[in-house]
Amino acid sequence: MKKRFSFSSSVLILIGVLVTLAKYYYGSSSWGGFYGVLSIGILIFISGVIFGVIAFAKKEKGVLKYISVLSVIVVVFFVGYLT
């Protein structure tokens, strides 16, 4: 079975964004917990981006690798909107 880095990338990016946004919108009872979960979500997202780069390097077929790159662009604009 071949490893599909593009699929793993999309899943990790989605989970990272959902964890980060859920903690941003629902808040936390303490600042330490807020930044802890926020950093975990960002780390999951970054690992998804790394898997997307690996998918491009291995020249995997399919459009999932393009979707992961598009999500990176969307997140950059979202962070720019928040600041």
PDB file of N, CA and C in Angstrom:
ATOM      1  N   MET A   1       0.846  -1.181   0.000  1.00  0.00           N
ATOM      2  CA  MET A   1       0.000   0.000   0.000  1.00  0.00           C
ATOM      3  C   MET A   1       0.892   1.244   0.000  1.00  0.00           C
ATOM      4  N   LYS A   2       0.657   2.104  -0.933  1.00  0.00           N
ATOM      5  CA  LYS A   2       1.446   3.323  -1.036  1.00  0.00           C
ATOM      6  C   LYS A   2       0.954   4.357  -0.029  1.00  0.00           C
ATOM      7  N   LYS A   3       1.903   5.042   0.542  1.00  0.00           N
ATOM      8  CA  LYS A   3       1.532   6.138   1.426  1.00  0.00           C
ATOM      9  C   LYS A   3       1.112   7.324   0.575  1.00  0.00           C
ATOM     10  N   ARG A   4       0.019   7.893   0.916  1.00  0.00           N
ATOM     11  CA  ARG A   4      -0.463   9.074   0.209  1.00  0.00           C
ATOM     12  C   ARG A   4      -0.249  10.288   1.103  1.00  0.00           C
ATOM     13  N   PHE A   5       0.833  10.982   0.859  1.00  0.00           N
ATOM     14  CA  PHE A   5       1.141  12.149   1.673  1.00  0.00           C
ATOM     15  C   PHE A   5       0.136  13.269   1.426  1.00  0.00           C
ATOM     16  N   SER A   6      -0.433  13.326   0.241  1.00  0.00           N
ATOM     17  CA  SER A   6      -1.405  14.381  -0.038  1.00  0.00           C
ATOM     18  C   SER A   6      -2.667  14.197   0.799  1.00  0.00           C
ATOM     19  N   PHE A   7      -3.113  12.958   0.981  1.00  0.00           N
ATOM     20  CA  PHE A   7      -4.292  12.704   1.811  1.00  0.00           C
ATOM     21  C   PHE A   7      -3.984  13.005   3.269  1.00  0.00           C
ATOM     22  N   SER A   8      -2.847  12.554   3.743  1.00  0.00           N
ATOM     23  CA  SER A   8      -2.447  12.827   5.128  1.00  0.00           C
ATOM     24  C   SER A   8      -2.305  14.322   5.361  1.00  0.00           C
ATOM     25  N   SER A   9      -1.793  15.019   4.382  1.00  0.00           N
ATOM     26  CA  SER A   9      -1.637  16.461   4.483  1.00  0.00           C
ATOM     27  C   SER A   9      -2.990  17.146   4.634  1.00  0.00           C
ATOM     28  N   SER A  10      -3.938  16.767   3.816  1.00  0.00           N
ATOM     29  CA  SER A  10      -5.264  17.382   3.882  1.00  0.00           C
ATOM     30  C   SER A  10      -5.939  17.111   5.216  1.00  0.00           C
ATOM     31  N   VAL A  11      -5.813  15.886   5.710  1.00  0.00           N
ATOM     32  CA  VAL A  11      -6.437  15.531   6.988  1.00  0.00           C
ATOM     33  C   VAL A  11      -5.794  16.300   8.134  1.00  0.00           C
ATOM     34  N   LEU A  12      -4.477  16.360   8.171  1.00  0.00           N
ATOM     35  CA  LEU A  12      -3.794  17.069   9.249  1.00  0.00           C
ATOM     36  C   LEU A  12      -4.062  18.575   9.210  1.00  0.00           C
ATOM     37  N   ILE A  13      -4.113  19.141   8.028  1.00  0.00           N
ATOM     38  CA  ILE A  13      -4.422  20.573   7.918  1.00  0.00           C
ATOM     39  C   ILE A  13      -5.831  20.852   8.407  1.00  0.00           C
ATOM     40  N   LEU A  14      -6.769  20.011   8.044  1.00  0.00           N
ATOM     41  CA  LEU A  14      -8.153  20.194   8.488  1.00  0.00           C
ATOM     42  C   LEU A  14      -8.263  20.076  10.007  1.00  0.00           C
ATOM     43  N   ILE A  15      -7.619  19.063  10.585  1.00  0.00           N
ATOM     44  CA  ILE A  15      -7.669  18.890  12.032  1.00  0.00           C
ATOM     45  C   ILE A  15      -6.994  20.068  12.742  1.00  0.00           C
ATOM     46  N   GLY A  16      -5.856  20.509  12.240  1.00  0.00           N
ATOM     47  CA  GLY A  16      -5.156  21.637  12.852  1.00  0.00           C
ATOM     48  C   GLY A  16      -5.972  22.914  12.822  1.00  0.00           C
ATOM     49  N   VAL A  17      -6.608  23.189  11.708  1.00  0.00           N
ATOM     50  CA  VAL A  17      -7.430  24.392  11.595  1.00  0.00           C
ATOM     51  C   VAL A  17      -8.652  24.289  12.507  1.00  0.00           C
ATOM     52  N   LEU A  18      -9.287  23.125  12.548  1.00  0.00           N
ATOM     53  CA  LEU A  18     -10.465  22.962  13.397  1.00  0.00           C
ATOM     54  C   LEU A  18     -10.127  23.085  14.878  1.00  0.00           C
ATOM     55  N   VAL A  19      -9.007  22.510  15.308  1.00  0.00           N
ATOM     56  CA  VAL A  19      -8.599  22.633  16.714  1.00  0.00           C
ATOM     57  C   VAL A  19      -8.307  24.085  17.052  1.00  0.00           C
ATOM     58  N   THR A  20      -7.601  24.763  16.179  1.00  0.00           N
ATOM     59  CA  THR A  20      -7.250  26.155  16.440  1.00  0.00           C
ATOM     60  C   THR A  20      -8.484  27.055  16.454  1.00  0.00           C
ATOM     61  N   LEU A  21      -9.362  26.887  15.491  1.00  0.00           N
ATOM     62  CA  LEU A  21     -10.558  27.727  15.448  1.00  0.00           C
ATOM     63  C   LEU A  21     -11.519  27.411  16.574  1.00  0.00           C
ATOM     64  N   ALA A  22     -11.657  26.144  16.948  1.00  0.00           N
ATOM     65  CA  ALA A  22     -12.558  25.793  18.038  1.00  0.00           C
ATOM     66  C   ALA A  22     -12.098  26.422  19.344  1.00  0.00           C
ATOM     67  N   LYS A  23     -10.814  26.390  19.578  1.00  0.00           N
ATOM     68  CA  LYS A  23     -10.308  26.993  20.805  1.00  0.00           C
ATOM     69  C   LYS A  23     -10.408  28.512  20.748  1.00  0.00           C
ATOM     70  N   TYR A  24     -10.272  29.080  19.561  1.00  0.00           N
ATOM     71  CA  TYR A  24     -10.382  30.534  19.422  1.00  0.00           C
ATOM     72  C   TYR A  24     -11.819  30.991  19.679  1.00  0.00           C
ATOM     73  N   TYR A  25     -12.797  30.262  19.171  1.00  0.00           N
ATOM     74  CA  TYR A  25     -14.187  30.686  19.301  1.00  0.00           C
ATOM     75  C   TYR A  25     -14.803  30.301  20.643  1.00  0.00           C
ATOM     76  N   TYR A  26     -14.415  29.166  21.212  1.00  0.00           N
ATOM     77  CA  TYR A  26     -15.023  28.732  22.461  1.00  0.00           C
ATOM     78  C   TYR A  26     -14.282  29.212  23.686  1.00  0.00           C
ATOM     79  N   GLY A  27     -13.084  29.695  23.502  1.00  0.00           N
ATOM     80  CA  GLY A  27     -12.325  30.257  24.602  1.00  0.00           C
ATOM     81  C   GLY A  27     -11.807  29.201  25.558  1.00  0.00           C
ATOM     82  N   SER A  28     -11.273  29.667  26.648  1.00  0.00           N
ATOM     83  CA  SER A  28     -10.705  28.768  27.646  1.00  0.00           C
ATOM     84  C   SER A  28     -10.851  29.409  29.011  1.00  0.00           C
ATOM     85  N   SER A  29     -10.783  28.571  30.030  1.00  0.00           N
ATOM     86  CA  SER A  29     -10.898  29.103  31.376  1.00  0.00           C
ATOM     87  C   SER A  29      -9.587  29.726  31.848  1.00  0.00           C
ATOM     88  N   SER A  30      -8.483  29.375  31.221  1.00  0.00           N
ATOM     89  CA  SER A  30      -7.200  29.951  31.602  1.00  0.00           C
ATOM     90  C   SER A  30      -6.393  30.272  30.346  1.00  0.00           C
ATOM     91  N   TRP A  31      -5.504  31.239  30.451  1.00  0.00           N
ATOM     92  CA  TRP A  31      -4.675  31.628  29.309  1.00  0.00           C
ATOM     93  C   TRP A  31      -3.673  30.547  28.971  1.00  0.00           C
ATOM     94  N   GLY A  32      -3.177  29.836  29.976  1.00  0.00           N
ATOM     95  CA  GLY A  32      -2.220  28.760  29.726  1.00  0.00           C
ATOM     96  C   GLY A  32      -2.840  27.653  28.879  1.00  0.00           C
ATOM     97  N   GLY A  33      -4.074  27.281  29.198  1.00  0.00           N
ATOM     98  CA  GLY A  33      -4.766  26.264  28.410  1.00  0.00           C
ATOM     99  C   GLY A  33      -5.069  26.749  27.008  1.00  0.00           C
ATOM    100  N   PHE A  34      -5.393  28.031  26.886  1.00  0.00           N
ATOM    101  CA  PHE A  34      -5.692  28.598  25.573  1.00  0.00           C
ATOM    102  C   PHE A  34      -4.473  28.523  24.666  1.00  0.00           C
ATOM    103  N   TYR A  35      -3.322  28.968  25.159  1.00  0.00           N
ATOM    104  CA  TYR A  35      -2.120  28.961  24.323  1.00  0.00           C
ATOM    105  C   TYR A  35      -1.581  27.553  24.110  1.00  0.00           C
ATOM    106  N   GLY A  36      -1.818  26.655  25.058  1.00  0.00           N
ATOM    107  CA  GLY A  36      -1.395  25.269  24.880  1.00  0.00           C
ATOM    108  C   GLY A  36      -2.129  24.598  23.739  1.00  0.00           C
ATOM    109  N   VAL A  37      -3.444  24.725  23.721  1.00  0.00           N
ATOM    110  CA  VAL A  37      -4.233  24.108  22.651  1.00  0.00           C
ATOM    111  C   VAL A  37      -3.999  24.832  21.331  1.00  0.00           C
ATOM    112  N   LEU A  38      -3.828  26.133  21.381  1.00  0.00           N
ATOM    113  CA  LEU A  38      -3.540  26.894  20.168  1.00  0.00           C
ATOM    114  C   LEU A  38      -2.224  26.442  19.540  1.00  0.00           C
ATOM    115  N   SER A  39      -1.224  26.223  20.366  1.00  0.00           N
ATOM    116  CA  SER A  39       0.061  25.775  19.817  1.00  0.00           C
ATOM    117  C   SER A  39      -0.027  24.350  19.288  1.00  0.00           C
ATOM    118  N   ILE A  40      -0.828  23.492  19.900  1.00  0.00           N
ATOM    119  CA  ILE A  40      -1.021  22.128  19.386  1.00  0.00           C
ATOM    120  C   ILE A  40      -1.698  22.168  18.024  1.00  0.00           C
ATOM    121  N   GLY A  41      -2.718  23.012  17.875  1.00  0.00           N
ATOM    122  CA  GLY A  41      -3.385  23.144  16.583  1.00  0.00           C
ATOM    123  C   GLY A  41      -2.454  23.660  15.502  1.00  0.00           C
ATOM    124  N   ILE A  42      -1.607  24.605  15.856  1.00  0.00           N
ATOM    125  CA  ILE A  42      -0.655  25.149  14.887  1.00  0.00           C
ATOM    126  C   ILE A  42       0.380  24.101  14.502  1.00  0.00           C
ATOM    127  N   LEU A  43       0.834  23.302  15.469  1.00  0.00           N
ATOM    128  CA  LEU A  43       1.802  22.241  15.167  1.00  0.00           C
ATOM    129  C   LEU A  43       1.199  21.175  14.259  1.00  0.00           C
ATOM    130  N   ILE A  44      -0.061  20.824  14.487  1.00  0.00           N
ATOM    131  CA  ILE A  44      -0.731  19.862  13.605  1.00  0.00           C
ATOM    132  C   ILE A  44      -0.846  20.434  12.200  1.00  0.00           C
ATOM    133  N   PHE A  45      -1.187  21.713  12.106  1.00  0.00           N
ATOM    134  CA  PHE A  45      -1.298  22.363  10.803  1.00  0.00           C
ATOM    135  C   PHE A  45       0.044  22.384  10.079  1.00  0.00           C
ATOM    136  N   ILE A  46       1.109  22.715  10.788  1.00  0.00           N
ATOM    137  CA  ILE A  46       2.442  22.771  10.176  1.00  0.00           C
ATOM    138  C   ILE A  46       2.890  21.392   9.711  1.00  0.00           C
ATOM    139  N   SER A  47       2.560  20.352  10.483  1.00  0.00           N
ATOM    140  CA  SER A  47       2.910  18.999  10.039  1.00  0.00           C
ATOM    141  C   SER A  47       2.138  18.638   8.774  1.00  0.00           C
ATOM    142  N   GLY A  48       0.909  19.106   8.638  1.00  0.00           N
ATOM    143  CA  GLY A  48       0.159  18.900   7.406  1.00  0.00           C
ATOM    144  C   GLY A  48       0.791  19.615   6.229  1.00  0.00           C
ATOM    145  N   VAL A  49       1.303  20.804   6.468  1.00  0.00           N
ATOM    146  CA  VAL A  49       1.991  21.547   5.408  1.00  0.00           C
ATOM    147  C   VAL A  49       3.254  20.809   4.979  1.00  0.00           C
ATOM    148  N   ILE A  50       3.976  20.248   5.940  1.00  0.00           N
ATOM    149  CA  ILE A  50       5.183  19.489   5.615  1.00  0.00           C
ATOM    150  C   ILE A  50       4.833  18.270   4.773  1.00  0.00           C
ATOM    151  N   PHE A  51       3.748  17.580   5.114  1.00  0.00           N
ATOM    152  CA  PHE A  51       3.314  16.442   4.299  1.00  0.00           C
ATOM    153  C   PHE A  51       2.913  16.891   2.895  1.00  0.00           C
ATOM    154  N   GLY A  52       2.344  18.091   2.772  1.00  0.00           N
ATOM    155  CA  GLY A  52       2.016  18.619   1.453  1.00  0.00           C
ATOM    156  C   GLY A  52       3.257  18.872   0.622  1.00  0.00           C
ATOM    157  N   VAL A  53       4.308  19.369   1.252  1.00  0.00           N
ATOM    158  CA  VAL A  53       5.573  19.587   0.548  1.00  0.00           C
ATOM    159  C   VAL A  53       6.161  18.251   0.106  1.00  0.00           C
ATOM    160  N   ILE A  54       6.055  17.234   0.961  1.00  0.00           N
ATOM    161  CA  ILE A  54       6.542  15.905   0.588  1.00  0.00           C
ATOM    162  C   ILE A  54       5.748  15.360  -0.600  1.00  0.00           C
ATOM    163  N   ALA A  55       4.434  15.607  -0.606  1.00  0.00           N
ATOM    164  CA  ALA A  55       3.602  15.150  -1.732  1.00  0.00           C
ATOM    165  C   ALA A  55       4.034  15.811  -3.030  1.00  0.00           C
ATOM    166  N   PHE A  56       4.357  17.107  -2.987  1.00  0.00           N
ATOM    167  CA  PHE A  56       4.844  17.780  -4.186  1.00  0.00           C
ATOM    168  C   PHE A  56       6.203  17.236  -4.604  1.00  0.00           C
ATOM    169  N   ALA A  57       7.056  16.965  -3.627  1.00  0.00           N
ATOM    170  CA  ALA A  57       8.397  16.465  -3.948  1.00  0.00           C
ATOM    171  C   ALA A  57       8.345  15.078  -4.581  1.00  0.00           C
ATOM    172  N   LYS A  58       7.409  14.254  -4.132  1.00  0.00           N
ATOM    173  CA  LYS A  58       7.269  12.913  -4.697  1.00  0.00           C
ATOM    174  C   LYS A  58       6.411  12.899  -5.960  1.00  0.00           C
ATOM    175  N   LYS A  59       5.882  14.050  -6.332  1.00  0.00           N
ATOM    176  CA  LYS A  59       5.057  14.218  -7.531  1.00  0.00           C
ATOM    177  C   LYS A  59       3.886  13.231  -7.548  1.00  0.00           C
ATOM    178  N   GLU A  60       3.134  13.242  -6.439  1.00  0.00           N
ATOM    179  CA  GLU A  60       1.961  12.383  -6.350  1.00  0.00           C
ATOM    180  C   GLU A  60       0.886  12.868  -7.302  1.00  0.00           C
ATOM    181  N   LYS A  61       0.107  11.931  -7.786  1.00  0.00           N
ATOM    182  CA  LYS A  61      -0.989  12.273  -8.685  1.00  0.00           C
ATOM    183  C   LYS A  61      -2.200  12.678  -7.859  1.00  0.00           C
ATOM    184  N   GLY A  62      -3.053  13.473  -8.457  1.00  0.00           N
ATOM    185  CA  GLY A  62      -4.275  13.876  -7.784  1.00  0.00           C
ATOM    186  C   GLY A  62      -4.296  15.354  -7.458  1.00  0.00           C
ATOM    187  N   VAL A  63      -5.451  15.789  -6.987  1.00  0.00           N
ATOM    188  CA  VAL A  63      -5.641  17.208  -6.701  1.00  0.00           C
ATOM    189  C   VAL A  63      -5.573  17.526  -5.218  1.00  0.00           C
ATOM    190  N   LEU A  64      -5.445  16.522  -4.362  1.00  0.00           N
ATOM    191  CA  LEU A  64      -5.413  16.798  -2.923  1.00  0.00           C
ATOM    192  C   LEU A  64      -4.217  17.647  -2.529  1.00  0.00           C
ATOM    193  N   LYS A  65      -3.103  17.486  -3.207  1.00  0.00           N
ATOM    194  CA  LYS A  65      -1.934  18.302  -2.862  1.00  0.00           C
ATOM    195  C   LYS A  65      -2.188  19.772  -3.178  1.00  0.00           C
ATOM    196  N   TYR A  66      -2.978  20.053  -4.193  1.00  0.00           N
ATOM    197  CA  TYR A  66      -3.315  21.438  -4.507  1.00  0.00           C
ATOM    198  C   TYR A  66      -4.290  22.019  -3.490  1.00  0.00           C
ATOM    199  N   ILE A  67      -5.173  21.178  -2.971  1.00  0.00           N
ATOM    200  CA  ILE A  67      -6.111  21.632  -1.951  1.00  0.00           C
ATOM    201  C   ILE A  67      -5.364  22.001  -0.673  1.00  0.00           C
ATOM    202  N   SER A  68      -4.342  21.229  -0.314  1.00  0.00           N
ATOM    203  CA  SER A  68      -3.573  21.555   0.885  1.00  0.00           C
ATOM    204  C   SER A  68      -2.818  22.869   0.712  1.00  0.00           C
ATOM    205  N   VAL A  69      -2.303  23.122  -0.472  1.00  0.00           N
ATOM    206  CA  VAL A  69      -1.625  24.398  -0.731  1.00  0.00           C
ATOM    207  C   VAL A  69      -2.627  25.552  -0.680  1.00  0.00           C
ATOM    208  N   LEU A  70      -3.814  25.343  -1.209  1.00  0.00           N
ATOM    209  CA  LEU A  70      -4.851  26.367  -1.163  1.00  0.00           C
ATOM    210  C   LEU A  70      -5.250  26.683   0.278  1.00  0.00           C
ATOM    211  N   SER A  71      -5.307  25.659   1.114  1.00  0.00           N
ATOM    212  CA  SER A  71      -5.665  25.902   2.510  1.00  0.00           C
ATOM    213  C   SER A  71      -4.607  26.730   3.220  1.00  0.00           C
ATOM    214  N   VAL A  72      -3.345  26.557   2.860  1.00  0.00           N
ATOM    215  CA  VAL A  72      -2.279  27.373   3.449  1.00  0.00           C
ATOM    216  C   VAL A  72      -2.487  28.835   3.081  1.00  0.00           C
ATOM    217  N   ILE A  73      -2.832  29.098   1.849  1.00  0.00           N
ATOM    218  CA  ILE A  73      -3.069  30.470   1.396  1.00  0.00           C
ATOM    219  C   ILE A  73      -4.263  31.082   2.123  1.00  0.00           C
ATOM    220  N   VAL A  74      -5.320  30.296   2.296  1.00  0.00           N
ATOM    221  CA  VAL A  74      -6.511  30.784   2.994  1.00  0.00           C
ATOM    222  C   VAL A  74      -6.188  31.099   4.450  1.00  0.00           C
ATOM    223  N   VAL A  75      -5.408  30.255   5.100  1.00  0.00           N
ATOM    224  CA  VAL A  75      -5.050  30.493   6.499  1.00  0.00           C
ATOM    225  C   VAL A  75      -4.180  31.741   6.633  1.00  0.00           C
ATOM    226  N   VAL A  76      -3.288  31.969   5.702  1.00  0.00           N
ATOM    227  CA  VAL A  76      -2.468  33.176   5.748  1.00  0.00           C
ATOM    228  C   VAL A  76      -3.349  34.426   5.648  1.00  0.00           C
ATOM    229  N   PHE A  77      -4.337  34.420   4.778  1.00  0.00           N
ATOM    230  CA  PHE A  77      -5.249  35.561   4.677  1.00  0.00           C
ATOM    231  C   PHE A  77      -6.111  35.692   5.939  1.00  0.00           C
ATOM    232  N   PHE A  78      -6.502  34.558   6.538  1.00  0.00           N
ATOM    233  CA  PHE A  78      -7.305  34.605   7.758  1.00  0.00           C
ATOM    234  C   PHE A  78      -6.509  35.207   8.907  1.00  0.00           C
ATOM    235  N   VAL A  79      -5.252  34.825   9.041  1.00  0.00           N
ATOM    236  CA  VAL A  79      -4.400  35.392  10.101  1.00  0.00           C
ATOM    237  C   VAL A  79      -4.183  36.877   9.844  1.00  0.00           C
ATOM    238  N   GLY A  80      -4.007  37.257   8.584  1.00  0.00           N
ATOM    239  CA  GLY A  80      -3.879  38.682   8.251  1.00  0.00           C
ATOM    240  C   GLY A  80      -5.128  39.454   8.575  1.00  0.00           C
ATOM    241  N   TYR A  81      -6.288  38.834   8.434  1.00  0.00           N
ATOM    242  CA  TYR A  81      -7.560  39.479   8.745  1.00  0.00           C
ATOM    243  C   TYR A  81      -7.701  39.672  10.253  1.00  0.00           C
ATOM    244  N   LEU A  82      -7.214  38.704  11.048  1.00  0.00           N
ATOM    245  CA  LEU A  82      -7.341  38.800  12.504  1.00  0.00           C
ATOM    246  C   LEU A  82      -6.456  39.891  13.093  1.00  0.00           C
ATOM    247  N   THR A  83      -5.330  40.175  12.449  1.00  0.00           N
ATOM    248  CA  THR A  83      -4.414  41.167  13.028  1.00  0.00           C
ATOM    249  C   THR A  83      -4.735  42.565  12.602  1.00  0.00           C
TER     250      THR A  83
END
